[in-house]
C-alpha atoms as a PDB file:
ATOM      1  CA  ASP A   1     -59.149 -13.147 108.987  1.00  0.00           C
ATOM      2  CA  PHE A   2     -57.173 -11.933 106.000  1.00  0.00           C
ATOM      3  CA  LEU A   3     -55.086 -14.746 104.262  1.00  0.00           C
ATOM      4  CA  CYS A   4     -52.592 -13.878 101.697  1.00  0.00           C
ATOM      5  CA  MET A   5     -53.164 -16.778  99.249  1.00  0.00           C
ATOM      6  CA  PHE A   6     -50.269 -15.637  96.686  1.00  0.00           C
ATOM      7  CA  ALA A   7     -49.485 -16.996  93.231  1.00  0.00           C
ATOM      8  CA  ARG A   8     -46.185 -16.846  91.982  1.00  0.00           C
ATOM      9  CA  HIS A   9     -45.074 -16.514  88.592  1.00  0.00           C
ATOM     10  CA  ARG A  10     -41.314 -16.004  88.325  1.00  0.00           C
ATOM     11  CA  PRO A  11     -39.768 -16.672  84.734  1.00  0.00           C
ATOM     12  CA  GLN A  12     -36.214 -16.723  86.858  1.00  0.00           C
ATOM     13  CA  MET A  13     -33.852 -16.343  83.564  1.00  0.00           C
ATOM     14  CA  ALA A  14     -35.621 -13.451  82.410  1.00  0.00           C
ATOM     15  CA  TRP A  15     -35.817 -11.787  85.858  1.00  0.00           C
ATOM     16  CA  MET A  16     -32.101 -12.776  85.855  1.00  0.00           C
ATOM     17  CA  LYS A  17     -31.297 -10.863  82.924  1.00  0.00           C
ATOM     18  CA  ARG A  18     -33.308  -7.861  83.750  1.00  0.00           C
ATOM     19  CA  ALA A  19     -31.680  -7.699  87.235  1.00  0.00           C
ATOM     20  CA  VAL A  20     -28.271  -8.038  85.910  1.00  0.00           C
ATOM     21  CA  GLY A  21     -28.822  -4.827  83.131  1.00  0.00           C
ATOM     22  CA  VAL A  22     -30.344  -2.883  85.694  1.00  0.00           C
ATOM     23  CA  LEU A  23     -27.496  -3.251  88.309  1.00  0.00           C
ATOM     24  CA  ALA A  24     -24.709  -3.054  85.702  1.00  0.00           C
ATOM     25  CA  MET A  25     -26.395   0.599  84.967  1.00  0.00           C
ATOM     26  CA  LEU A  26     -26.734   1.500  88.383  1.00  0.00           C
ATOM     27  CA  ALA A  27     -23.006   0.804  88.557  1.00  0.00           C
ATOM     28  CA  LEU A  28     -22.193   3.529  85.983  1.00  0.00           C
ATOM     29  CA  ALA A  29     -24.498   6.073  87.037  1.00  0.00           C
ATOM     30  CA  THR A  30     -25.918   7.183  90.354  1.00  0.00           C
ATOM     31  CA  SER A  31     -27.651  10.598  91.646  1.00  0.00           C
ATOM     32  CA  ASP A  32     -24.179  11.120  93.524  1.00  0.00           C
ATOM     33  CA  ASP A  33     -22.424  11.206  89.796  1.00  0.00           C
ATOM     34  CA  MET A  34     -23.779  14.498  88.656  1.00  0.00           C
ATOM     35  CA  GLU A  35     -23.265  17.947  90.229  1.00  0.00           C
ATOM     36  CA  GLY A  36     -24.907  21.117  89.451  1.00  0.00           C
ATOM     37  CA  GLU A  37     -28.283  22.554  89.209  1.00  0.00           C
ATOM     38  CA  GLU A  38     -29.176  21.193  85.611  1.00  0.00           C
ATOM     39  CA  TYR A  39     -28.719  17.802  87.328  1.00  0.00           C
ATOM     40  CA  GLY A  40     -30.648  18.367  90.463  1.00  0.00           C
ATOM     41  CA  TYR A  41     -34.172  17.179  89.081  1.00  0.00           C
ATOM     42  CA  VAL A  42     -35.780  13.934  88.792  1.00  0.00           C
ATOM     43  CA  THR A  43     -36.565  13.230  84.886  1.00  0.00           C
ATOM     44  CA  CYS A  44     -38.681  11.462  82.664  1.00  0.00           C
ATOM     45  CA  GLY A  45     -37.240   8.129  81.482  1.00  0.00           C
ATOM     46  CA  SER A  46     -34.984   7.855  84.866  1.00  0.00           C
ATOM     47  CA  VAL A  47     -35.041   4.825  87.020  1.00  0.00           C
ATOM     48  CA  ILE A  48     -35.180   5.581  90.817  1.00  0.00           C
ATOM     49  CA  LYS A  49     -35.920   4.290  94.160  1.00  0.00           C
ATOM     50  CA  LEU A  50     -38.543   5.912  96.366  1.00  0.00           C
ATOM     51  CA  GLN A  51     -38.045   5.502  99.995  1.00  0.00           C
ATOM     52  CA  ASN A  52     -40.890   6.626 102.759  1.00  0.00           C
ATOM     53  CA  GLU A  53     -39.729   9.548 104.873  1.00  0.00           C
ATOM     54  CA  ARG A  54     -41.167   8.246 108.131  1.00  0.00           C
ATOM     55  CA  ALA A  55     -40.723   4.131 107.607  1.00  0.00           C
ATOM     56  CA  ASN A  56     -37.539   4.281 105.939  1.00  0.00           C
ATOM     57  CA  TYR A  57     -38.487   1.393 103.645  1.00  0.00           C
ATOM     58  CA  CYS A  58     -38.500   1.511  99.935  1.00  0.00           C
ATOM     59  CA  LEU A  59     -41.309   1.013  97.274  1.00  0.00           C
ATOM     60  CA  HIS A  60     -41.419  -2.332  96.125  1.00  0.00           C
ATOM     61  CA  SER A  61     -43.328  -5.076  93.901  1.00  0.00           C
ATOM     62  CA  HIS A  62     -42.610  -8.283  92.574  1.00  0.00           C
ATOM     63  CA  ASP A  63     -44.327 -10.905  90.330  1.00  0.00           C
ATOM     64  CA  ILE A  64     -46.939 -12.005  93.602  1.00  0.00           C
ATOM     65  CA  LYS A  65     -50.366 -11.551  93.170  1.00  0.00           C
ATOM     66  CA  TRP A  66     -52.713 -10.190  95.925  1.00  0.00           C
ATOM     67  CA  GLY A  67     -54.682 -12.759  97.631  1.00  0.00           C
ATOM     68  CA  SER A  68     -57.665 -10.640  97.959  1.00  0.00           C
ATOM     69  CA  GLY A  69     -59.186  -7.497  96.424  1.00  0.00           C
ATOM     70  CA  SER A  70     -58.144  -7.101  92.816  1.00  0.00           C
ATOM     71  CA  SER A  71     -55.627 -10.141  92.592  1.00  0.00           C
ATOM     72  CA  GLN A  72     -53.301  -7.778  90.802  1.00  0.00           C
ATOM     73  CA  GLN A  73     -49.583  -7.824  91.286  1.00  0.00           C
ATOM     74  CA  SER A  74     -48.990  -6.735  94.866  1.00  0.00           C
ATOM     75  CA  VAL A  75     -47.029  -3.636  95.975  1.00  0.00           C
ATOM     76  CA  THR A  76     -45.373  -3.388  99.237  1.00  0.00           C
ATOM     77  CA  ALA A  77     -42.367  -1.799 100.718  1.00  0.00           C
ATOM     78  CA  VAL A  78     -39.014  -3.354 102.039  1.00  0.00           C
ATOM     79  CA  GLU A  79     -36.443  -2.173 104.123  1.00  0.00           C
ATOM     80  CA  HIS A  80     -33.119  -3.878 102.474  1.00  0.00           C
ATOM     81  CA  LYS A  81     -32.239  -0.838  99.597  1.00  0.00           C
ATOM     82  CA  GLY A  82     -30.368  -3.011  97.076  1.00  0.00           C
ATOM     83  CA  ASP A  83     -33.312  -5.241  95.893  1.00  0.00           C
ATOM     84  CA  PRO A  84     -33.809  -4.592  92.171  1.00  0.00           C
ATOM     85  CA  ASN A  85     -37.305  -5.075  92.558  1.00  0.00           C
ATOM     86  CA  SER A  86     -37.526  -1.402  94.142  1.00  0.00           C
ATOM     87  CA  LEU A  87     -36.650   0.173  90.829  1.00  0.00           C
ATOM     88  CA  TRP A  88     -39.314   2.248  89.130  1.00  0.00           C
ATOM     89  CA  LYS A  89     -39.171   4.366  85.709  1.00  0.00           C
ATOM     90  CA  VAL A  90     -40.621   7.602  85.853  1.00  0.00           C
ATOM     91  CA  THR A  91     -43.089   8.154  82.760  1.00  0.00           C
ATOM     92  CA  GLY A  92     -45.799  10.769  81.539  1.00  0.00           C
ATOM     93  CA  ALA A  93     -49.041  10.160  82.298  1.00  0.00           C
ATOM     94  CA  ASN A  94     -51.005   7.545  80.581  1.00  0.00           C
ATOM     95  CA  GLY A  95     -51.885   8.254  77.004  1.00  0.00           C
ATOM     96  CA  ALA A  96     -48.993  11.050  77.360  1.00  0.00           C
ATOM     97  CA  HIS A  97     -45.502  11.508  76.213  1.00  0.00           C
ATOM     98  CA  CYS A  98     -42.474  12.941  78.276  1.00  0.00           C
ATOM     99  CA  PRO A  99     -39.768  12.797  76.227  1.00  0.00           C
ATOM    100  CA  GLN A 100     -36.043  11.210  78.099  1.00  0.00           C
ATOM    101  CA  GLY A 101     -34.704  13.832  80.259  1.00  0.00           C
ATOM    102  CA  THR A 102     -37.464  16.334  80.842  1.00  0.00           C
ATOM    103  CA  PRO A 103     -37.355  17.632  84.226  1.00  0.00           C
ATOM    104  CA  VAL A 104     -40.969  16.367  86.114  1.00  0.00           C
ATOM    105  CA  LYS A 105     -42.796  19.603  87.345  1.00  0.00           C
ATOM    106  CA  ILE A 106     -44.504  19.795  90.632  1.00  0.00           C
ATOM    107  CA  GLY A 107     -48.317  19.330  89.939  1.00  0.00           C
ATOM    108  CA  GLN A 108     -47.395  17.056  86.510  1.00  0.00           C
ATOM    109  CA  VAL A 109     -49.124  13.537  86.092  1.00  0.00           C
ATOM    110  CA  ILE A 110     -46.914  10.903  85.963  1.00  0.00           C
ATOM    111  CA  ARG A 111     -46.605   6.931  85.801  1.00  0.00           C
ATOM    112  CA  LEU A 112     -44.099   4.639  87.508  1.00  0.00           C
ATOM    113  CA  THR A 113     -43.547   1.630  86.068  1.00  0.00           C
ATOM    114  CA  HIS A 114     -41.867  -1.234  87.781  1.00  0.00           C
ATOM    115  CA  VAL A 115     -38.730  -2.033  85.829  1.00  0.00           C
ATOM    116  CA  GLN A 116     -38.739  -5.982  86.378  1.00  0.00           C
ATOM    117  CA  THR A 117     -42.127  -6.582  85.798  1.00  0.00           C
ATOM    118  CA  LYS A 118     -43.060  -3.493  83.300  1.00  0.00           C
ATOM    119  CA  ARG A 119     -46.336  -2.923  85.225  1.00  0.00           C
ATOM    120  CA  ASN A 120     -47.386   0.556  86.567  1.00  0.00           C
ATOM    121  CA  LEU A 121     -48.136   1.493  90.140  1.00  0.00           C
ATOM    122  CA  HIS A 122     -51.813   1.725  90.184  1.00  0.00           C
ATOM    123  CA  SER A 123     -54.538   2.045  92.500  1.00  0.00           C
ATOM    124  CA  HIS A 124     -58.399   1.600  92.974  1.00  0.00           C
ATOM    125  CA  GLN A 125     -61.299   1.305  95.054  1.00  0.00           C
ATOM    126  CA  TYR A 126     -60.450  -1.894  96.491  1.00  0.00           C
ATOM    127  CA  GLN A 127     -59.610  -2.123  99.941  1.00  0.00           C
ATOM    128  CA  SER A 128     -55.889  -2.874 101.279  1.00  0.00           C
ATOM    129  CA  PRO A 129     -55.650  -6.159 103.367  1.00  0.00           C
ATOM    130  CA  LEU A 130     -54.205  -5.030 106.370  1.00  0.00           C
ATOM    131  CA  SER A 131     -55.048  -1.200 107.284  1.00  0.00           C
ATOM    132  CA  LYS A 132     -58.448  -1.031 104.952  1.00  0.00           C
ATOM    133  CA  ARG A 133     -57.626   1.787 103.248  1.00  0.00           C
ATOM    134  CA  GLN A 134     -57.077   1.778  99.589  1.00  0.00           C
ATOM    135  CA  GLU A 135     -55.249  -1.077  97.878  1.00  0.00           C
ATOM    136  CA  VAL A 136     -52.261  -0.456  95.565  1.00  0.00           C
ATOM    137  CA  SER A 137     -51.063  -2.767  93.017  1.00  0.00           C
ATOM    138  CA  CYS A 138     -48.981  -2.834  89.764  1.00  0.00           C
ATOM    139  CA  PHE A 139     -51.435  -2.946  86.663  1.00  0.00           C
ATOM    140  CA  GLY A 140     -51.010  -3.211  82.872  1.00  0.00           C
ATOM    141  CA  GLU A 141     -48.555  -5.102  80.541  1.00  0.00           C
ATOM    142  CA  GLY A 142     -45.418  -3.555  78.812  1.00  0.00           C
ATOM    143  CA  GLY A 143     -46.013  -0.303  80.481  1.00  0.00           C
ATOM    144  CA  LYS A 144     -49.516   0.073  79.096  1.00  0.00           C
ATOM    145  CA  GLY A 145     -52.266   0.457  81.545  1.00  0.00           C
ATOM    146  CA  ASP A 146     -55.049   3.081  81.971  1.00  0.00           C
ATOM    147  CA  THR A 147     -55.958   6.141  84.175  1.00  0.00           C
ATOM    148  CA  GLY A 148     -55.779   4.228  87.431  1.00  0.00           C
ATOM    149  CA  ASP A 149     -52.040   4.366  87.010  1.00  0.00           C
ATOM    150  CA  ASN A 150     -51.861   8.511  87.031  1.00  0.00           C
ATOM    151  CA  TRP A 151     -50.193  10.027  90.135  1.00  0.00           C
ATOM    152  CA  ILE A 152     -49.825  13.877  90.700  1.00  0.00           C
ATOM    153  CA  VAL A 153     -46.556  15.068  92.070  1.00  0.00           C
ATOM    154  CA  GLU A 154     -46.774  17.440  94.694  1.00  0.00           C
ATOM    155  CA  SER A 155     -43.953  19.199  96.756  1.00  0.00           C
ATOM    156  CA  ARG A 156     -43.654  19.963 100.635  1.00  0.00           C
ATOM    157  CA  ASN A 157     -41.145  22.373 100.029  1.00  0.00           C
ATOM    158  CA  GLY A 158     -42.487  24.325  97.134  1.00  0.00           C
ATOM    159  CA  GLY A 159     -40.735  24.977  93.712  1.00  0.00           C
ATOM    160  CA  THR A 160     -41.527  24.364  90.159  1.00  0.00           C
ATOM    161  CA  HIS A 161     -39.753  20.777  89.504  1.00  0.00           C
ATOM    162  CA  TRP A 162     -39.391  17.507  91.588  1.00  0.00           C
ATOM    163  CA  LYS A 163     -35.703  18.020  93.028  1.00  0.00           C
ATOM    164  CA  ARG A 164     -33.761  15.036  93.899  1.00  0.00           C
ATOM    165  CA  ASP A 165     -33.497  14.085  97.711  1.00  0.00           C
ATOM    166  CA  ALA A 166     -36.514  16.475  98.407  1.00  0.00           C
ATOM    167  CA  PRO A 167     -39.526  14.997  99.668  1.00  0.00           C
ATOM    168  CA  VAL A 168     -42.772  14.465  97.557  1.00  0.00           C
ATOM    169  CA  ARG A 169     -45.846  12.985  97.673  1.00  0.00           C
ATOM    170  CA  LEU A 170     -48.136  10.905  94.807  1.00  0.00           C
ATOM    171  CA  GLN A 171     -51.664  11.875  94.921  1.00  0.00           C
ATOM    172  CA  HIS A 172     -53.579   9.027  92.803  1.00  0.00           C
ATOM    173  CA  GLN A 173     -55.330  11.632  90.252  1.00  0.00           C
ATOM    174  CA  ASP A 174     -58.295   9.289  89.679  1.00  0.00           C
ATOM    175  CA  THR A 175     -59.415   8.725  93.592  1.00  0.00           C
ATOM    176  CA  ARG A 176     -57.559  11.530  94.985  1.00  0.00           C
ATOM    177  CA  HIS A 177     -55.742   9.496  97.614  1.00  0.00           C
ATOM    178  CA  TRP A 178     -52.280   9.519  98.632  1.00  0.00           C
ATOM    179  CA  LEU A 179     -49.353   6.673  98.475  1.00  0.00           C
ATOM    180  CA  GLN A 180     -48.066   5.978 101.893  1.00  0.00           C
ATOM    181  CA  THR A 181     -46.659   3.150 104.036  1.00  0.00           C
ATOM    182  CA  VAL A 182     -47.093   2.670 107.902  1.00  0.00           C
ATOM    183  CA  SER A 183     -44.324   0.679 109.596  1.00  0.00           C
ATOM    184  CA  HIS A 184     -47.011  -0.921 112.114  1.00  0.00           C
ATOM    185  CA  TYR A 185     -48.848  -2.416 109.006  1.00  0.00           C
ATOM    186  CA  LYS A 186     -46.285  -5.531 108.525  1.00  0.00           C
ATOM    187  CA  PHE A 187     -46.957  -8.638 106.705  1.00  0.00           C
ATOM    188  CA  ASP A 188     -46.119 -11.890 109.130  1.00  0.00           C
ATOM    189  CA  GLN A 189     -47.475 -15.127 109.880  1.00  0.00           C
ATOM    190  CA  SER A 190     -50.202 -13.687 111.957  1.00  0.00           C
ATOM    191  CA  ASN A 191     -52.045 -12.007 109.038  1.00  0.00           C
ATOM    192  CA  CYS A 192     -50.349 -13.715 106.026  1.00  0.00           C
ATOM    193  CA  GLY A 193     -50.086 -17.467 107.043  1.00  0.00           C
ATOM    194  CA  GLN A 194     -47.010 -19.680 107.068  1.00  0.00           C
ATOM    195  CA  ASN A 195     -44.675 -19.490 104.340  1.00  0.00           C
ATOM    196  CA  CYS A 196     -45.845 -16.013 103.676  1.00  0.00           C
ATOM    197  CA  PRO A 197     -43.781 -14.522 100.253  1.00  0.00           C
ATOM    198  CA  ILE A 198     -43.994 -11.111 101.643  1.00  0.00           C
ATOM    199  CA  GLY A 199     -43.275 -11.753 105.422  1.00  0.00           C
ATOM    200  CA  GLY A 200     -41.565  -8.521 107.100  1.00  0.00           C
ATOM    201  CA  GLN A 201     -42.624  -6.232 104.227  1.00  0.00           C
ATOM    202  CA  LEU A 202     -44.890  -3.203 104.941  1.00  0.00           C
ATOM    203  CA  GLU A 203     -48.118  -2.596 103.370  1.00  0.00           C
ATOM    204  CA  VAL A 204     -48.301  -0.134 100.523  1.00  0.00           C
ATOM    205  CA  MET A 205     -51.840   1.784 100.400  1.00  0.00           C
ATOM    206  CA  ALA A 206     -53.402   5.098  99.423  1.00  0.00           C
ATOM    207  CA  SER A 207     -55.037   7.389 102.062  1.00  0.00           C
ATOM    208  CA  ARG A 208     -57.607   9.838 101.775  1.00  0.00           C
ATOM    209  CA  ASN A 209     -55.918  11.951 104.956  1.00  0.00           C
ATOM    210  CA  ALA A 210     -53.511  14.385 102.898  1.00  0.00           C
ATOM    211  CA  GLN A 211     -51.711  15.750 106.155  1.00  0.00           C
ATOM    212  CA  ASP A 212     -50.552  12.248 107.125  1.00  0.00           C
ATOM    213  CA  GLU A 213     -46.774  12.284 107.440  1.00  0.00           C
ATOM    214  CA  ALA A 214     -46.894   8.620 106.150  1.00  0.00           C
ATOM    215  CA  ASN A 215     -47.421  10.160 102.727  1.00  0.00           C
ATOM    216  CA  TRP A 216     -43.969  11.506 101.788  1.00  0.00           C
ATOM    217  CA  TRP A 217     -41.008   9.846  99.832  1.00  0.00           C
ATOM    218  CA  LEU A 218     -37.255  10.630  99.035  1.00  0.00           C
ATOM    219  CA  THR A 219     -35.676   9.578  95.822  1.00  0.00           C
ATOM    220  CA  GLU A 220     -33.019   7.101  96.678  1.00  0.00           C
ATOM    221  CA  ASP A 221     -29.990   6.041  94.285  1.00  0.00           C
ATOM    222  CA  GLY A 222     -31.050   5.863  90.670  1.00  0.00           C
ATOM    223  CA  ILE A 223     -30.315   6.419  86.799  1.00  0.00           C
ATOM    224  CA  TYR A 224     -31.018  10.387  85.991  1.00  0.00           C
ATOM    225  CA  PHE A 225     -31.239  11.449  82.232  1.00  0.00           C
ATOM    226  CA  PRO A 226     -30.623  15.014  81.876  1.00  0.00           C
END
């Protein structure tokens, strides 16, 4: 049986300073503040939340390590939309520069950097703890990582660019699996042990099934740079 043996590394003051800064920015600029076609796209440099269209949980991370698999920083999904640990910065592919304010194209390779820990959304051929699909983690330091951080933006509704509030799926470039979360893969005492630090959160994993409806994500509120 899988037991979540997590190690915590939480520099409290640094975390609080980052959280205050991000929340202050969110108070000044949200996706509802801008109108018009020129402001309708997700752009490089933007800070966003991603909500799974089916589960209605947001992509999330925290400085807690997986107790199996890679032992890298865990990635989950949470129901609470106000958590600053659900903020991700859109950047260019590993080794590539995407200028701030550049609209993200459909088919473009991007990275998502976790705002609080500066590590990148990552996948690899480790097995995820609950679904036994492909593990998703956060990797790297200061936004630097490797090609396992690269994700391809795909659209359900066509078009040339990633539109805000339009469903997209993210295909992991190295392994050709899709980012997803499923509501019945939830951490609790039965699969994570007592005092589980991620109890009530959903597993986030990568699936080889391109047709799975759990693959689709929507942008929530964020800071968008035109």
